[in-house]
Protein backbone atom coordinates (compact mmCIF):
# COMPACT_ATOMS: atom_id res chain seq x y z
CA UNK A 1 -18.71 13.65 -24.55
CA UNK A 2 -21.33 14.25 -21.66
CA UNK A 3 -18.87 12.50 -19.50
CA UNK A 4 -16.26 15.00 -20.05
CA UNK A 5 -18.47 17.90 -19.78
CA UNK A 6 -19.42 16.25 -16.51
CA UNK A 7 -15.80 16.33 -15.24
CA UNK A 8 -14.89 19.41 -16.44
CA UNK A 9 -17.78 21.27 -14.91
CA UNK A 10 -17.10 19.44 -11.75
CA UNK A 11 -13.54 20.68 -11.59
CA UNK A 12 -14.94 24.22 -12.13
CA UNK A 13 -17.06 24.05 -8.91
CA UNK A 14 -15.82 26.08 -5.94
CA UNK A 15 -14.10 23.96 -3.11
CA UNK A 16 -16.60 22.67 -0.59
CA UNK A 17 -15.20 20.72 2.12
CA UNK A 18 -18.68 18.95 2.72
CA UNK A 19 -18.39 17.68 -0.73
CA UNK A 20 -14.83 17.19 -1.71
CA UNK A 21 -13.61 16.16 -5.21
CA UNK A 22 -11.33 13.19 -5.02
CA UNK A 23 -9.69 11.59 -7.73
CA UNK A 24 -8.40 8.21 -7.77
CA UNK A 25 -6.60 5.64 -9.62
CA UNK A 26 -3.77 2.92 -9.42
CA UNK A 27 -0.65 1.81 -11.29
CA UNK A 28 1.34 -1.38 -11.23
CA UNK A 29 4.84 -1.31 -9.68
CA UNK A 30 7.82 -3.88 -10.47
CA UNK A 31 9.71 -4.46 -7.71
CA UNK A 32 13.30 -4.65 -8.78
CA UNK A 33 16.70 -5.11 -7.18
CA UNK A 34 20.42 -4.75 -7.94
CA UNK A 35 22.43 -7.94 -8.48
CA UNK A 36 25.76 -5.98 -8.35
CA UNK A 37 26.15 -3.00 -5.77
CA UNK A 38 25.95 0.41 -7.21
CA UNK A 39 29.10 2.55 -7.03
CA UNK A 40 28.34 5.89 -5.09
CA UNK A 41 29.52 8.93 -6.96
CA UNK A 42 33.14 10.18 -6.70
CA UNK A 43 34.52 13.66 -7.40
CA UNK A 44 33.95 14.34 -11.16
CA UNK A 45 32.10 11.07 -11.85
CA UNK A 46 28.40 10.28 -11.10
CA UNK A 47 27.20 7.32 -9.48
CA UNK A 48 27.21 4.00 -11.37
CA UNK A 49 24.76 1.31 -11.72
CA UNK A 50 24.87 -2.12 -13.19
CA UNK A 51 22.51 -2.89 -15.92
CA UNK A 52 21.64 -6.34 -14.60
CA UNK A 53 18.79 -6.59 -12.20
CA UNK A 54 16.72 -8.95 -10.12
CA UNK A 55 12.86 -9.26 -10.49
CA UNK A 56 11.14 -9.40 -6.87
CA UNK A 57 7.47 -9.40 -8.01
CA UNK A 58 5.11 -6.64 -8.49
CA UNK A 59 2.46 -4.58 -6.76
CA UNK A 60 0.00 -1.83 -7.08
CA UNK A 61 0.13 1.68 -5.90
CA UNK A 62 -3.53 3.31 -5.50
CA UNK A 63 -3.21 6.98 -5.21
CA UNK A 64 -5.92 9.36 -3.98
CA UNK A 65 -5.77 12.91 -4.77
CA UNK A 66 -7.89 15.97 -3.68
CA UNK A 67 -6.73 18.33 -6.49
CA UNK A 68 -8.59 21.76 -4.86
CA UNK A 69 -7.04 20.94 -1.33
CA UNK A 70 -3.44 19.83 -2.49
CA UNK A 71 -3.75 16.43 -0.36
CA UNK A 72 -2.93 13.14 -1.72
CA UNK A 73 -2.25 9.54 0.03
CA UNK A 74 -1.11 6.55 -1.49
CA UNK A 75 -1.97 2.86 -0.35
CA UNK A 76 0.62 0.08 -1.55
CA UNK A 77 -1.49 -3.26 -2.18
CA UNK A 78 0.21 -6.75 -3.23
CA UNK A 79 -2.62 -7.16 -5.24
CA UNK A 80 -5.09 -4.98 -7.66
CA UNK A 81 -8.50 -6.34 -7.05
CA UNK A 82 -12.00 -5.12 -6.08
CA UNK A 83 -11.22 -5.78 -2.44
CA UNK A 84 -8.24 -3.54 -2.71
CA UNK A 85 -10.11 -0.62 -4.49
CA UNK A 86 -12.89 -1.15 -1.74
CA UNK A 87 -10.27 -0.74 0.98
CA UNK A 88 -9.26 2.76 -0.65
CA UNK A 89 -12.65 3.87 -0.68
CA UNK A 90 -13.23 2.66 3.13
CA UNK A 91 -10.15 4.75 4.12
CA UNK A 92 -11.17 7.77 1.84
CA UNK A 93 -14.88 7.97 3.58
CA UNK A 94 -14.08 6.52 7.15
CA UNK A 95 -10.71 8.01 7.89
CA UNK A 96 -9.97 11.06 5.79
CA UNK A 97 -13.65 12.55 4.99
CA UNK A 98 -15.59 11.05 7.94
CA UNK A 99 -17.40 14.32 8.29
CA UNK A 100 -18.04 14.82 4.81
CA UNK A 101 -21.59 14.87 3.56
CA UNK A 102 -20.80 13.15 0.27
CA UNK A 103 -17.32 12.46 -1.71
CA UNK A 104 -17.31 13.31 -5.36
CA UNK A 105 -15.43 10.40 -6.80
CA UNK A 106 -13.58 10.89 -9.97
CA UNK A 107 -12.64 7.65 -11.69
CA UNK A 108 -11.78 5.79 -14.77
CA UNK A 109 -13.74 2.69 -16.43
CA UNK A 110 -11.72 -0.12 -14.86
CA UNK A 111 -13.62 -3.15 -14.36
CA UNK A 112 -12.73 -2.94 -10.48
CA UNK A 113 -13.97 0.59 -10.05
CA UNK A 114 -17.78 0.44 -9.40
CA UNK A 115 -19.91 0.07 -6.35
CA UNK A 116 -19.95 -3.84 -6.79
CA UNK A 117 -16.52 -3.80 -5.22
CA UNK A 118 -18.23 -2.72 -1.88
CA UNK A 119 -20.85 -5.32 -2.03
CA UNK A 120 -17.94 -7.86 -2.96
CA UNK A 121 -15.98 -6.80 0.15
CA UNK A 122 -18.12 -5.73 3.16
CA UNK A 123 -21.29 -6.89 4.45
CA UNK A 124 -24.37 -5.44 2.76
CA UNK A 125 -25.52 -2.76 5.22
CA UNK A 126 -21.92 -1.29 5.34
CA UNK A 127 -21.70 -1.62 1.66
CA UNK A 128 -24.72 0.35 1.22
CA UNK A 129 -23.61 2.88 3.74
CA UNK A 130 -20.47 3.43 1.86
CA UNK A 131 -21.95 3.88 -1.65
CA UNK A 132 -24.63 6.40 -0.44
CA UNK A 133 -21.59 8.48 0.54
CA UNK A 134 -20.16 8.40 -2.85
CA UNK A 135 -21.11 10.55 -6.02
CA UNK A 136 -19.55 8.55 -8.84
CA UNK A 137 -18.02 10.64 -11.66
CA UNK A 138 -16.39 8.57 -14.49
CA UNK A 139 -14.05 9.44 -17.37
CA UNK A 140 -15.13 8.91 -21.02
CA UNK A 141 -13.49 5.75 -22.55
CA UNK A 142 -10.11 6.57 -23.75
CA UNK A 143 -10.38 9.65 -21.75
CA UNK A 144 -8.44 8.67 -18.60
CA UNK A 145 -6.28 11.85 -18.88
CA UNK A 146 -9.47 13.87 -17.96
CA UNK A 147 -8.74 12.49 -14.39
CA UNK A 148 -6.28 14.98 -12.45
CA UNK A 149 -4.76 12.10 -10.67
CA UNK A 150 -2.99 10.99 -13.70
CA UNK A 151 -0.88 13.88 -13.36
CA UNK A 152 0.16 13.31 -9.87
CA UNK A 153 0.73 9.64 -10.64
CA UNK A 154 3.20 10.86 -13.25
CA UNK A 155 4.76 13.35 -10.78
CA UNK A 156 4.99 10.14 -8.46
CA UNK A 157 6.99 8.20 -11.01
CA UNK A 158 9.31 10.67 -11.91
CA UNK A 159 10.27 12.04 -8.46
CA UNK A 160 10.23 8.86 -6.80
CA UNK A 161 9.73 5.69 -8.80
CA UNK A 162 12.42 5.85 -11.22
CA UNK A 163 14.82 3.88 -9.58
CA UNK A 164 15.18 0.14 -8.21
CA UNK A 165 12.99 -0.67 -5.22
CA UNK A 166 13.35 -4.41 -4.31
CA UNK A 167 10.30 -4.76 -1.96
CA UNK A 168 6.80 -3.34 -0.57
CA UNK A 169 7.90 -2.10 2.71
CA UNK A 170 10.82 0.07 1.03
CA UNK A 171 8.37 1.10 -1.51
CA UNK A 172 5.91 2.26 1.21
CA UNK A 173 8.36 4.22 2.94
CA UNK A 174 9.70 6.06 -0.07
CA UNK A 175 6.28 6.86 -1.30
CA UNK A 176 5.28 8.04 2.20
CA UNK A 177 8.09 10.47 2.32
CA UNK A 178 7.21 11.66 -1.24
CA UNK A 179 3.76 12.10 -0.04
CA UNK A 180 4.47 14.00 2.96
CA UNK A 181 6.65 16.34 1.28
CA UNK A 182 4.04 17.17 -1.57
CA UNK A 183 1.24 17.44 1.20
CA UNK A 184 3.55 20.01 3.03
CA UNK A 185 3.62 22.05 -0.14
CA UNK A 186 -0.12 21.80 -0.78
CA UNK A 187 0.83 21.10 -4.53
CA UNK A 188 -2.28 21.37 -6.55
CA UNK A 189 -3.04 21.10 -10.28
CA UNK A 190 -3.64 24.44 -12.15
CA UNK A 191 -6.48 22.78 -14.47
CA UNK A 192 -7.70 25.22 -17.04
CA UNK A 193 -9.60 23.12 -19.65
CA UNK A 194 -13.15 24.14 -19.37
CA UNK A 195 -16.45 23.28 -21.12
CA UNK A 196 -16.04 26.16 -23.32
CA UNK A 197 -12.56 25.09 -24.42
CA UNK A 198 -13.67 21.44 -25.08
CA UNK A 199 -16.48 22.55 -27.19
CA UNK A 200 -13.71 24.44 -29.56
CA UNK A 201 -10.86 22.13 -29.43
CA UNK A 202 -12.93 19.13 -29.49
CA UNK A 203 -15.67 19.84 -31.50
CA UNK A 204 -15.32 16.78 -33.71
CA UNK A 205 -16.78 14.79 -30.57
CA UNK A 206 -19.90 16.87 -30.32
CA UNK A 207 -23.00 16.47 -32.23
CA UNK A 208 -24.14 18.77 -34.59
CA UNK A 209 -27.25 21.06 -34.30
CA UNK A 210 -27.11 22.80 -37.27
CA UNK A 211 -29.87 21.46 -39.21
CA UNK A 212 -32.23 20.66 -36.28
CA UNK A 213 -35.40 22.55 -36.26
CA UNK A 214 -36.99 24.36 -33.35
């Protein structure tokens, strides 16, 4: 419950470029190709795609999203390890937000999403430097829907990934084109769920103070 309130309060804070709120998460992507060539659309007939497909392994897409600024960036990785996660954090801190005082990071409770990832990837002084520039905000257990990047990931899937892509290079190019268009639009999330809303709609999650004495 307290993690939910922490995140909802964070989302209500005014935009501050010195303390950007960045939501991060990743999803697996199956690399799938065609066995038979697809038939292009014809007048009065849609494109045809054979139901058979070939598998070419899997990879992971890490998505970083700053909801208040309408910015997102995806990194496609062959694996989904602590090192991959740490590389994403280094990109956020060293390249995108090098001048920020601190990045307020929103993430779920996956076992790779910890400061330990920095220490297992970088020399200790660098790991400490990076860690000190992050303010960690975790979603509640079973509450990853409170991470706004989940909304952006769903849009990525619907607009870009619902088709057969058989290799990482092509996947990177397709996602980069999607990302460029979304960033040009400065697309944001209209988040309206606040702590007062949570105390009403999710009242059963809160402890009762009716019988406590002052």
